[in-house]
Amino acid sequence: MSKSFLVIERGLAGEQVYHLQSRHTIGRAPESDIHLTDPSVSRQHALVFLKDEKAILEDAGSPNGTYFNEERLVKGRTTILNRQYRQIVKIIKVITFVPAL
């Protein structure tokens, strides 16, 4: 089985690579799959999950919102992360989705 990855660039902190499986929570809560410490990030901020070999990003109702390529995501609506292109997500800075081959 091939693997898909989400690469998150964090400025001077470098980048972190996450192996995407089914569903991942993003937030400030210590139990988040993708844990962020920025105070503007909600404890349960967003979700990223795989569906039909595509990475889907969804806001989890965060007060500050999740922005994808400078457009705010509406709670309950999702956006597809494009394959192998850098995309700006406000809460994560820059992400790259590397799909399974």
PDB file of N, CA and C in Angstrom:
ATOM      1  N   MET A   1       0.835  -1.181   0.000  1.00  0.00           N
ATOM      2  CA  MET A   1       0.000   0.000   0.000  1.00  0.00           C
ATOM      3  C   MET A   1       0.881   1.246   0.000  1.00  0.00           C
ATOM      4  N   SER A   2       0.607   2.193  -0.878  1.00  0.00           N
ATOM      5  CA  SER A   2       1.369   3.428  -0.960  1.00  0.00           C
ATOM      6  C   SER A   2       0.980   4.366   0.172  1.00  0.00           C
ATOM      7  N   LYS A   3       1.845   5.340   0.440  1.00  0.00           N
ATOM      8  CA  LYS A   3       1.603   6.267   1.531  1.00  0.00           C
ATOM      9  C   LYS A   3       1.441   7.687   0.998  1.00  0.00           C
ATOM     10  N   SER A   4       0.563   8.446   1.646  1.00  0.00           N
ATOM     11  CA  SER A   4       0.391   9.865   1.357  1.00  0.00           C
ATOM     12  C   SER A   4       0.936  10.645   2.552  1.00  0.00           C
ATOM     13  N   PHE A   5       1.461  11.836   2.270  1.00  0.00           N
ATOM     14  CA  PHE A   5       2.068  12.642   3.311  1.00  0.00           C
ATOM     15  C   PHE A   5       1.572  14.076   3.266  1.00  0.00           C
ATOM     16  N   LEU A   6       1.590  14.716   4.421  1.00  0.00           N
ATOM     17  CA  LEU A   6       1.326  16.133   4.541  1.00  0.00           C
ATOM     18  C   LEU A   6       2.590  16.734   5.117  1.00  0.00           C
ATOM     19  N   VAL A   7       3.176  17.702   4.418  1.00  0.00           N
ATOM     20  CA  VAL A   7       4.406  18.345   4.862  1.00  0.00           C
ATOM     21  C   VAL A   7       4.027  19.750   5.328  1.00  0.00           C
ATOM     22  N   ILE A   8       4.370  20.070   6.567  1.00  0.00           N
ATOM     23  CA  ILE A   8       4.037  21.369   7.137  1.00  0.00           C
ATOM     24  C   ILE A   8       5.324  22.127   7.414  1.00  0.00           C
ATOM     25  N   GLU A   9       5.463  23.290   6.769  1.00  0.00           N
ATOM     26  CA  GLU A   9       6.619  24.151   6.990  1.00  0.00           C
ATOM     27  C   GLU A   9       6.291  25.103   8.128  1.00  0.00           C
ATOM     28  N   ARG A  10       7.207  25.194   9.079  1.00  0.00           N
ATOM     29  CA  ARG A  10       6.976  26.041  10.254  1.00  0.00           C
ATOM     30  C   ARG A  10       8.091  27.065  10.429  1.00  0.00           C
ATOM     31  N   GLY A  11       8.420  27.778   9.396  1.00  0.00           N
ATOM     32  CA  GLY A  11       9.432  28.829   9.484  1.00  0.00           C
ATOM     33  C   GLY A  11      10.764  28.310   9.978  1.00  0.00           C
ATOM     34  N   LEU A  12      11.301  28.964  11.002  1.00  0.00           N
ATOM     35  CA  LEU A  12      12.607  28.586  11.535  1.00  0.00           C
ATOM     36  C   LEU A  12      12.598  27.210  12.183  1.00  0.00           C
ATOM     37  N   ALA A  13      11.426  26.724  12.553  1.00  0.00           N
ATOM     38  CA  ALA A  13      11.327  25.392  13.173  1.00  0.00           C
ATOM     39  C   ALA A  13      11.480  24.275  12.148  1.00  0.00           C
ATOM     40  N   GLY A  14      11.606  24.628  10.889  1.00  0.00           N
ATOM     41  CA  GLY A  14      11.760  23.625   9.845  1.00  0.00           C
ATOM     42  C   GLY A  14      10.429  23.071   9.393  1.00  0.00           C
ATOM     43  N   GLU A  15      10.436  21.830   8.957  1.00  0.00           N
ATOM     44  CA  GLU A  15       9.198  21.221   8.481  1.00  0.00           C
ATOM     45  C   GLU A  15       8.947  19.918   9.205  1.00  0.00           C
ATOM     46  N   GLN A  16       7.679  19.544   9.240  1.00  0.00           N
ATOM     47  CA  GLN A  16       7.295  18.265   9.827  1.00  0.00           C
ATOM     48  C   GLN A  16       6.503  17.507   8.776  1.00  0.00           C
ATOM     49  N   VAL A  17       6.736  16.218   8.731  1.00  0.00           N
ATOM     50  CA  VAL A  17       6.073  15.353   7.762  1.00  0.00           C
ATOM     51  C   VAL A  17       5.134  14.422   8.520  1.00  0.00           C
ATOM     52  N   TYR A  18       3.888  14.371   8.068  1.00  0.00           N
ATOM     53  CA  TYR A  18       2.878  13.511   8.687  1.00  0.00           C
ATOM     54  C   TYR A  18       2.403  12.486   7.654  1.00  0.00           C
ATOM     55  N   HIS A  19       2.442  11.235   8.037  1.00  0.00           N
ATOM     56  CA  HIS A  19       1.917  10.166   7.193  1.00  0.00           C
ATOM     57  C   HIS A  19       0.399  10.199   7.331  1.00  0.00           C
ATOM     58  N   LEU A  20      -0.300  10.475   6.249  1.00  0.00           N
ATOM     59  CA  LEU A  20      -1.760  10.544   6.293  1.00  0.00           C
ATOM     60  C   LEU A  20      -2.344   9.149   6.202  1.00  0.00           C
ATOM     61  N   GLN A  21      -3.240   8.879   7.107  1.00  0.00           N
ATOM     62  CA  GLN A  21      -3.946   7.612   7.061  1.00  0.00           C
ATOM     63  C   GLN A  21      -5.405   7.915   6.769  1.00  0.00           C
ATOM     64  N   SER A  22      -6.243   7.957   7.769  1.00  0.00           N
ATOM     65  CA  SER A  22      -7.653   8.217   7.486  1.00  0.00           C
ATOM     66  C   SER A  22      -8.045   9.637   7.866  1.00  0.00           C
ATOM     67  N   ARG A  23      -8.001   9.975   9.146  1.00  0.00           N
ATOM     68  CA  ARG A  23      -8.488  11.271   9.625  1.00  0.00           C
ATOM     69  C   ARG A  23      -7.526  11.804  10.684  1.00  0.00           C
ATOM     70  N   HIS A  24      -7.184  13.090  10.590  1.00  0.00           N
ATOM     71  CA  HIS A  24      -6.246  13.698  11.523  1.00  0.00           C
ATOM     72  C   HIS A  24      -6.821  15.005  12.045  1.00  0.00           C
ATOM     73  N   THR A  25      -6.726  15.202  13.362  1.00  0.00           N
ATOM     74  CA  THR A  25      -7.155  16.460  13.953  1.00  0.00           C
ATOM     75  C   THR A  25      -5.970  17.414  14.001  1.00  0.00           C
ATOM     76  N   ILE A  26      -6.281  18.704  13.833  1.00  0.00           N
ATOM     77  CA  ILE A  26      -5.266  19.754  13.893  1.00  0.00           C
ATOM     78  C   ILE A  26      -5.708  20.727  14.977  1.00  0.00           C
ATOM     79  N   GLY A  27      -4.822  21.046  15.904  1.00  0.00           N
ATOM     80  CA  GLY A  27      -5.197  21.999  16.934  1.00  0.00           C
ATOM     81  C   GLY A  27      -4.150  22.156  18.009  1.00  0.00           C
ATOM     82  N   ARG A  28      -4.489  22.980  18.995  1.00  0.00           N
ATOM     83  CA  ARG A  28      -3.606  23.267  20.109  1.00  0.00           C
ATOM     84  C   ARG A  28      -3.716  22.229  21.219  1.00  0.00           C
ATOM     85  N   ALA A  29      -4.766  21.431  21.218  1.00  0.00           N
ATOM     86  CA  ALA A  29      -4.929  20.398  22.242  1.00  0.00           C
ATOM     87  C   ALA A  29      -3.783  19.389  22.151  1.00  0.00           C
ATOM     88  N   PRO A  30      -3.227  19.001  23.281  1.00  0.00           N
ATOM     89  CA  PRO A  30      -2.111  18.055  23.256  1.00  0.00           C
ATOM     90  C   PRO A  30      -2.446  16.745  22.545  1.00  0.00           C
ATOM     91  N   GLU A  31      -3.701  16.340  22.569  1.00  0.00           N
ATOM     92  CA  GLU A  31      -4.082  15.080  21.927  1.00  0.00           C
ATOM     93  C   GLU A  31      -4.320  15.206  20.422  1.00  0.00           C
ATOM     94  N   SER A  32      -4.164  16.405  19.858  1.00  0.00           N
ATOM     95  CA  SER A  32      -4.327  16.577  18.408  1.00  0.00           C
ATOM     96  C   SER A  32      -3.295  15.751  17.661  1.00  0.00           C
ATOM     97  N   ASP A  33      -3.706  15.187  16.545  1.00  0.00           N
ATOM     98  CA  ASP A  33      -2.759  14.424  15.718  1.00  0.00           C
ATOM     99  C   ASP A  33      -1.656  15.332  15.189  1.00  0.00           C
ATOM    100  N   ILE A  34      -2.046  16.543  14.798  1.00  0.00           N
ATOM    101  CA  ILE A  34      -1.099  17.559  14.343  1.00  0.00           C
ATOM    102  C   ILE A  34      -1.216  18.694  15.356  1.00  0.00           C
ATOM    103  N   HIS A  35      -0.270  18.715  16.294  1.00  0.00           N
ATOM    104  CA  HIS A  35      -0.324  19.641  17.418  1.00  0.00           C
ATOM    105  C   HIS A  35       0.401  20.934  17.068  1.00  0.00           C
ATOM    106  N   LEU A  36      -0.307  22.064  17.200  1.00  0.00           N
ATOM    107  CA  LEU A  36       0.264  23.380  16.952  1.00  0.00           C
ATOM    108  C   LEU A  36       0.204  24.186  18.239  1.00  0.00           C
ATOM    109  N   THR A  37       1.212  25.004  18.490  1.00  0.00           N
ATOM    110  CA  THR A  37       1.267  25.753  19.743  1.00  0.00           C
ATOM    111  C   THR A  37       0.899  27.217  19.582  1.00  0.00           C
ATOM    112  N   ASP A  38       0.638  27.681  18.392  1.00  0.00           N
ATOM    113  CA  ASP A  38       0.285  29.078  18.154  1.00  0.00           C
ATOM    114  C   ASP A  38      -0.994  29.433  18.917  1.00  0.00           C
ATOM    115  N   PRO A  39      -0.992  30.539  19.689  1.00  0.00           N
ATOM    116  CA  PRO A  39      -2.174  30.889  20.481  1.00  0.00           C
ATOM    117  C   PRO A  39      -3.410  31.239  19.641  1.00  0.00           C
ATOM    118  N   SER A  40      -3.243  31.545  18.366  1.00  0.00           N
ATOM    119  CA  SER A  40      -4.403  31.843  17.515  1.00  0.00           C
ATOM    120  C   SER A  40      -5.096  30.572  17.025  1.00  0.00           C
ATOM    121  N   VAL A  41      -4.482  29.432  17.288  1.00  0.00           N
ATOM    122  CA  VAL A  41      -5.052  28.145  16.879  1.00  0.00           C
ATOM    123  C   VAL A  41      -5.956  27.629  17.992  1.00  0.00           C
ATOM    124  N   SER A  42      -7.158  27.200  17.633  1.00  0.00           N
ATOM    125  CA  SER A  42      -8.094  26.633  18.606  1.00  0.00           C
ATOM    126  C   SER A  42      -7.612  25.259  19.051  1.00  0.00           C
ATOM    127  N   ARG A  43      -8.141  24.810  20.185  1.00  0.00           N
ATOM    128  CA  ARG A  43      -7.791  23.472  20.670  1.00  0.00           C
ATOM    129  C   ARG A  43      -8.181  22.411  19.647  1.00  0.00           C
ATOM    130  N   GLN A  44      -9.324  22.565  19.019  1.00  0.00           N
ATOM    131  CA  GLN A  44      -9.792  21.669  17.956  1.00  0.00           C
ATOM    132  C   GLN A  44     -10.076  22.553  16.748  1.00  0.00           C
ATOM    133  N   HIS A  45      -9.071  22.798  15.946  1.00  0.00           N
ATOM    134  CA  HIS A  45      -9.126  23.819  14.912  1.00  0.00           C
ATOM    135  C   HIS A  45      -9.617  23.306  13.552  1.00  0.00           C
ATOM    136  N   ALA A  46      -9.030  22.229  13.080  1.00  0.00           N
ATOM    137  CA  ALA A  46      -9.359  21.745  11.733  1.00  0.00           C
ATOM    138  C   ALA A  46      -9.147  20.239  11.649  1.00  0.00           C
ATOM    139  N   LEU A  47      -9.592  19.677  10.542  1.00  0.00           N
ATOM    140  CA  LEU A  47      -9.415  18.250  10.257  1.00  0.00           C
ATOM    141  C   LEU A  47      -8.814  18.113   8.869  1.00  0.00           C
ATOM    142  N   VAL A  48      -8.008  17.095   8.693  1.00  0.00           N
ATOM    143  CA  VAL A  48      -7.550  16.726   7.357  1.00  0.00           C
ATOM    144  C   VAL A  48      -7.755  15.218   7.254  1.00  0.00           C
ATOM    145  N   PHE A  49      -8.331  14.798   6.146  1.00  0.00           N
ATOM    146  CA  PHE A  49      -8.590  13.368   5.983  1.00  0.00           C
ATOM    147  C   PHE A  49      -8.453  12.983   4.521  1.00  0.00           C
ATOM    148  N   LEU A  50      -8.254  11.686   4.309  1.00  0.00           N
ATOM    149  CA  LEU A  50      -8.128  11.155   2.952  1.00  0.00           C
ATOM    150  C   LEU A  50      -9.470  10.611   2.486  1.00  0.00           C
ATOM    151  N   LYS A  51      -9.804  10.921   1.256  1.00  0.00           N
ATOM    152  CA  LYS A  51     -11.010  10.394   0.630  1.00  0.00           C
ATOM    153  C   LYS A  51     -10.707  10.217  -0.851  1.00  0.00           C
ATOM    154  N   ASP A  52     -10.853   9.007  -1.334  1.00  0.00           N
ATOM    155  CA  ASP A  52     -10.558   8.702  -2.740  1.00  0.00           C
ATOM    156  C   ASP A  52      -9.166   9.197  -3.147  1.00  0.00           C
ATOM    157  N   GLU A  53      -8.188   8.957  -2.252  1.00  0.00           N
ATOM    158  CA  GLU A  53      -6.790   9.320  -2.480  1.00  0.00           C
ATOM    159  C   GLU A  53      -6.559  10.817  -2.603  1.00  0.00           C
ATOM    160  N   LYS A  54      -7.476  11.623  -2.077  1.00  0.00           N
ATOM    161  CA  LYS A  54      -7.319  13.078  -2.047  1.00  0.00           C
ATOM    162  C   LYS A  54      -7.296  13.508  -0.588  1.00  0.00           C
ATOM    163  N   ALA A  55      -6.501  14.539  -0.289  1.00  0.00           N
ATOM    164  CA  ALA A  55      -6.479  15.096   1.061  1.00  0.00           C
ATOM    165  C   ALA A  55      -7.521  16.202   1.126  1.00  0.00           C
ATOM    166  N   ILE A  56      -8.374  16.125   2.138  1.00  0.00           N
ATOM    167  CA  ILE A  56      -9.464  17.077   2.308  1.00  0.00           C
ATOM    168  C   ILE A  56      -9.216  17.852   3.600  1.00  0.00           C
ATOM    169  N   LEU A  57      -9.373  19.172   3.546  1.00  0.00           N
ATOM    170  CA  LEU A  57      -9.207  20.037   4.711  1.00  0.00           C
ATOM    171  C   LEU A  57     -10.572  20.589   5.097  1.00  0.00           C
ATOM    172  N   GLU A  58     -10.869  20.576   6.407  1.00  0.00           N
ATOM    173  CA  GLU A  58     -12.154  21.072   6.904  1.00  0.00           C
ATOM    174  C   GLU A  58     -11.932  21.845   8.206  1.00  0.00           C
ATOM    175  N   ASP A  59     -12.553  23.005   8.337  1.00  0.00           N
ATOM    176  CA  ASP A  59     -12.506  23.754   9.584  1.00  0.00           C
ATOM    177  C   ASP A  59     -13.387  23.044  10.602  1.00  0.00           C
ATOM    178  N   ALA A  60     -12.954  23.027  11.862  1.00  0.00           N
ATOM    179  CA  ALA A  60     -13.707  22.336  12.911  1.00  0.00           C
ATOM    180  C   ALA A  60     -14.520  23.312  13.759  1.00  0.00           C
ATOM    181  N   GLY A  61     -14.840  24.481  13.199  1.00  0.00           N
ATOM    182  CA  GLY A  61     -15.618  25.470  13.936  1.00  0.00           C
ATOM    183  C   GLY A  61     -14.758  26.384  14.778  1.00  0.00           C
ATOM    184  N   SER A  62     -13.533  26.578  14.387  1.00  0.00           N
ATOM    185  CA  SER A  62     -12.617  27.415  15.160  1.00  0.00           C
ATOM    186  C   SER A  62     -13.041  28.888  15.091  1.00  0.00           C
ATOM    187  N   PRO A  63     -12.947  29.611  16.221  1.00  0.00           N
ATOM    188  CA  PRO A  63     -13.343  31.023  16.229  1.00  0.00           C
ATOM    189  C   PRO A  63     -12.536  31.890  15.262  1.00  0.00           C
ATOM    190  N   ASN A  64     -11.238  31.608  15.120  1.00  0.00           N
ATOM    191  CA  ASN A  64     -10.397  32.409  14.233  1.00  0.00           C
ATOM    192  C   ASN A  64     -10.472  31.948  12.780  1.00  0.00           C
ATOM    193  N   GLY A  65     -11.073  30.815  12.545  1.00  0.00           N
ATOM    194  CA  GLY A  65     -11.232  30.315  11.177  1.00  0.00           C
ATOM    195  C   GLY A  65      -9.980  29.662  10.631  1.00  0.00           C
ATOM    196  N   THR A  66     -10.188  28.916   9.566  1.00  0.00           N
ATOM    197  CA  THR A  66      -9.109  28.286   8.814  1.00  0.00           C
ATOM    198  C   THR A  66      -9.131  28.898   7.431  1.00  0.00           C
ATOM    199  N   TYR A  67      -7.996  29.364   6.985  1.00  0.00           N
ATOM    200  CA  TYR A  67      -7.902  30.017   5.676  1.00  0.00           C
ATOM    201  C   TYR A  67      -7.089  29.149   4.741  1.00  0.00           C
ATOM    202  N   PHE A  68      -7.607  28.971   3.543  1.00  0.00           N
ATOM    203  CA  PHE A  68      -6.930  28.179   2.521  1.00  0.00           C
ATOM    204  C   PHE A  68      -6.718  29.076   1.314  1.00  0.00           C
ATOM    205  N   ASN A  69      -5.443  29.318   0.976  1.00  0.00           N
ATOM    206  CA  ASN A  69      -5.104  30.246  -0.104  1.00  0.00           C
ATOM    207  C   ASN A  69      -5.854  31.569   0.044  1.00  0.00           C
ATOM    208  N   GLU A  70      -5.826  32.099   1.280  1.00  0.00           N
ATOM    209  CA  GLU A  70      -6.384  33.395   1.664  1.00  0.00           C
ATOM    210  C   GLU A  70      -7.912  33.462   1.669  1.00  0.00           C
ATOM    211  N   GLU A  71      -8.583  32.346   1.517  1.00  0.00           N
ATOM    212  CA  GLU A  71     -10.046  32.322   1.557  1.00  0.00           C
ATOM    213  C   GLU A  71     -10.485  31.508   2.780  1.00  0.00           C
ATOM    214  N   ARG A  72     -11.382  32.099   3.575  1.00  0.00           N
ATOM    215  CA  ARG A  72     -11.821  31.425   4.796  1.00  0.00           C
ATOM    216  C   ARG A  72     -12.729  30.251   4.459  1.00  0.00           C
ATOM    217  N   LEU A  73     -12.445  29.107   5.097  1.00  0.00           N
ATOM    218  CA  LEU A  73     -13.298  27.938   4.929  1.00  0.00           C
ATOM    219  C   LEU A  73     -14.538  28.103   5.799  1.00  0.00           C
ATOM    220  N   VAL A  74     -15.675  27.758   5.272  1.00  0.00           N
ATOM    221  CA  VAL A  74     -16.924  27.804   6.016  1.00  0.00           C
ATOM    222  C   VAL A  74     -17.062  26.481   6.758  1.00  0.00           C
ATOM    223  N   LYS A  75     -17.460  26.556   8.047  1.00  0.00           N
ATOM    224  CA  LYS A  75     -17.607  25.330   8.845  1.00  0.00           C
ATOM    225  C   LYS A  75     -18.531  24.347   8.131  1.00  0.00           C
ATOM    226  N   GLY A  76     -18.120  23.116   8.081  1.00  0.00           N
ATOM    227  CA  GLY A  76     -18.924  22.079   7.440  1.00  0.00           C
ATOM    228  C   GLY A  76     -18.638  21.908   5.957  1.00  0.00           C
ATOM    229  N   ARG A  77     -17.911  22.844   5.355  1.00  0.00           N
ATOM    230  CA  ARG A  77     -17.542  22.704   3.942  1.00  0.00           C
ATOM    231  C   ARG A  77     -16.067  22.365   3.870  1.00  0.00           C
ATOM    232  N   THR A  78     -15.689  21.640   2.873  1.00  0.00           N
ATOM    233  CA  THR A  78     -14.313  21.166   2.764  1.00  0.00           C
ATOM    234  C   THR A  78     -13.650  21.712   1.508  1.00  0.00           C
ATOM    235  N   THR A  79     -12.332  21.584   1.467  1.00  0.00           N
ATOM    236  CA  THR A  79     -11.579  21.920   0.267  1.00  0.00           C
ATOM    237  C   THR A  79     -10.558  20.809   0.035  1.00  0.00           C
ATOM    238  N   ILE A  80     -10.256  20.567  -1.205  1.00  0.00           N
ATOM    239  CA  ILE A  80      -9.293  19.527  -1.574  1.00  0.00           C
ATOM    240  C   ILE A  80      -7.911  20.149  -1.666  1.00  0.00           C
ATOM    241  N   LEU A  81      -6.948  19.533  -1.014  1.00  0.00           N
ATOM    242  CA  LEU A  81      -5.560  19.969  -1.126  1.00  0.00           C
ATOM    243  C   LEU A  81      -4.989  19.387  -2.415  1.00  0.00           C
ATOM    244  N   ASN A  82      -4.454  20.254  -3.252  1.00  0.00           N
ATOM    245  CA  ASN A  82      -3.914  19.806  -4.536  1.00  0.00           C
ATOM    246  C   ASN A  82      -2.643  18.999  -4.336  1.00  0.00           C
ATOM    247  N   ARG A  83      -2.416  18.119  -5.253  1.00  0.00           N
ATOM    248  CA  ARG A  83      -1.261  17.234  -5.185  1.00  0.00           C
ATOM    249  C   ARG A  83       0.040  17.982  -5.440  1.00  0.00           C
ATOM    250  N   GLN A  84       0.978  17.817  -4.522  1.00  0.00           N
ATOM    251  CA  GLN A  84       2.352  18.269  -4.645  1.00  0.00           C
ATOM    252  C   GLN A  84       2.508  19.745  -4.953  1.00  0.00           C
ATOM    253  N   TYR A  85       1.557  20.578  -4.597  1.00  0.00           N
ATOM    254  CA  TYR A  85       1.695  22.021  -4.745  1.00  0.00           C
ATOM    255  C   TYR A  85       1.685  22.641  -3.362  1.00  0.00           C
ATOM    256  N   ARG A  86       2.526  23.639  -3.185  1.00  0.00           N
ATOM    257  CA  ARG A  86       2.529  24.351  -1.912  1.00  0.00           C
ATOM    258  C   ARG A  86       1.260  25.179  -1.830  1.00  0.00           C
ATOM    259  N   GLN A  87       0.591  25.089  -0.700  1.00  0.00           N
ATOM    260  CA  GLN A  87      -0.633  25.836  -0.489  1.00  0.00           C
ATOM    261  C   GLN A  87      -0.571  26.498   0.869  1.00  0.00           C
ATOM    262  N   ILE A  88      -1.067  27.696   0.956  1.00  0.00           N
ATOM    263  CA  ILE A  88      -1.022  28.426   2.208  1.00  0.00           C
ATOM    264  C   ILE A  88      -2.290  28.160   2.999  1.00  0.00           C
ATOM    265  N   VAL A  89      -2.116  27.641   4.188  1.00  0.00           N
ATOM    266  CA  VAL A  89      -3.211  27.442   5.131  1.00  0.00           C
ATOM    267  C   VAL A  89      -2.841  28.267   6.353  1.00  0.00           C
ATOM    268  N   LYS A  90      -3.652  29.240   6.690  1.00  0.00           N
ATOM    269  CA  LYS A  90      -3.280  30.212   7.717  1.00  0.00           C
ATOM    270  C   LYS A  90      -2.810  29.570   9.011  1.00  0.00           C
ATOM    271  N   ILE A  91      -3.507  28.561   9.495  1.00  0.00           N
ATOM    272  CA  ILE A  91      -3.112  28.004  10.785  1.00  0.00           C
ATOM    273  C   ILE A  91      -1.831  27.189  10.730  1.00  0.00           C
ATOM    274  N   ILE A  92      -1.444  26.767   9.546  1.00  0.00           N
ATOM    275  CA  ILE A  92      -0.292  25.872   9.437  1.00  0.00           C
ATOM    276  C   ILE A  92       0.857  26.518   8.657  1.00  0.00           C
ATOM    277  N   LYS A  93       0.651  27.676   8.136  1.00  0.00           N
ATOM    278  CA  LYS A  93       1.603  28.385   7.283  1.00  0.00           C
ATOM    279  C   LYS A  93       1.597  27.782   5.873  1.00  0.00           C
ATOM    280  N   VAL A  94       2.481  26.856   5.562  1.00  0.00           N
ATOM    281  CA  VAL A  94       2.531  26.301   4.201  1.00  0.00           C
ATOM    282  C   VAL A  94       2.508  24.788   4.288  1.00  0.00           C
ATOM    283  N   ILE A  95       1.648  24.182   3.477  1.00  0.00           N
ATOM    284  CA  ILE A  95       1.576  22.725   3.474  1.00  0.00           C
ATOM    285  C   ILE A  95       1.727  22.198   2.051  1.00  0.00           C
ATOM    286  N   THR A  96       2.196  20.998   1.957  1.00  0.00           N
ATOM    287  CA  THR A  96       2.306  20.305   0.677  1.00  0.00           C
ATOM    288  C   THR A  96       1.727  18.916   0.878  1.00  0.00           C
ATOM    289  N   PHE A  97       0.813  18.523   0.009  1.00  0.00           N
ATOM    290  CA  PHE A  97       0.245  17.181   0.053  1.00  0.00           C
ATOM    291  C   PHE A  97       0.973  16.344  -0.970  1.00  0.00           C
ATOM    292  N   VAL A  98       1.558  15.245  -0.539  1.00  0.00           N
ATOM    293  CA  VAL A  98       2.261  14.332  -1.423  1.00  0.00           C
ATOM    294  C   VAL A  98       1.429  13.039  -1.467  1.00  0.00           C
ATOM    295  N   PRO A  99       0.723  12.823  -2.579  1.00  0.00           N
ATOM    296  CA  PRO A  99      -0.173  11.657  -2.654  1.00  0.00           C
ATOM    297  C   PRO A  99       0.572  10.345  -2.798  1.00  0.00           C
ATOM    298  N   ALA A 100      -0.132   9.300  -2.491  1.00  0.00           N
ATOM    299  CA  ALA A 100       0.412   7.953  -2.682  1.00  0.00           C
ATOM    300  C   ALA A 100       0.649   7.730  -4.164  1.00  0.00           C
ATOM    301  N   LEU A 101       1.678   6.973  -4.474  1.00  0.00           N
ATOM    302  CA  LEU A 101       1.986   6.675  -5.886  1.00  0.00           C
ATOM    303  C   LEU A 101       1.402   5.357  -6.294  1.00  0.00           C
TER     304      LEU A 101
END
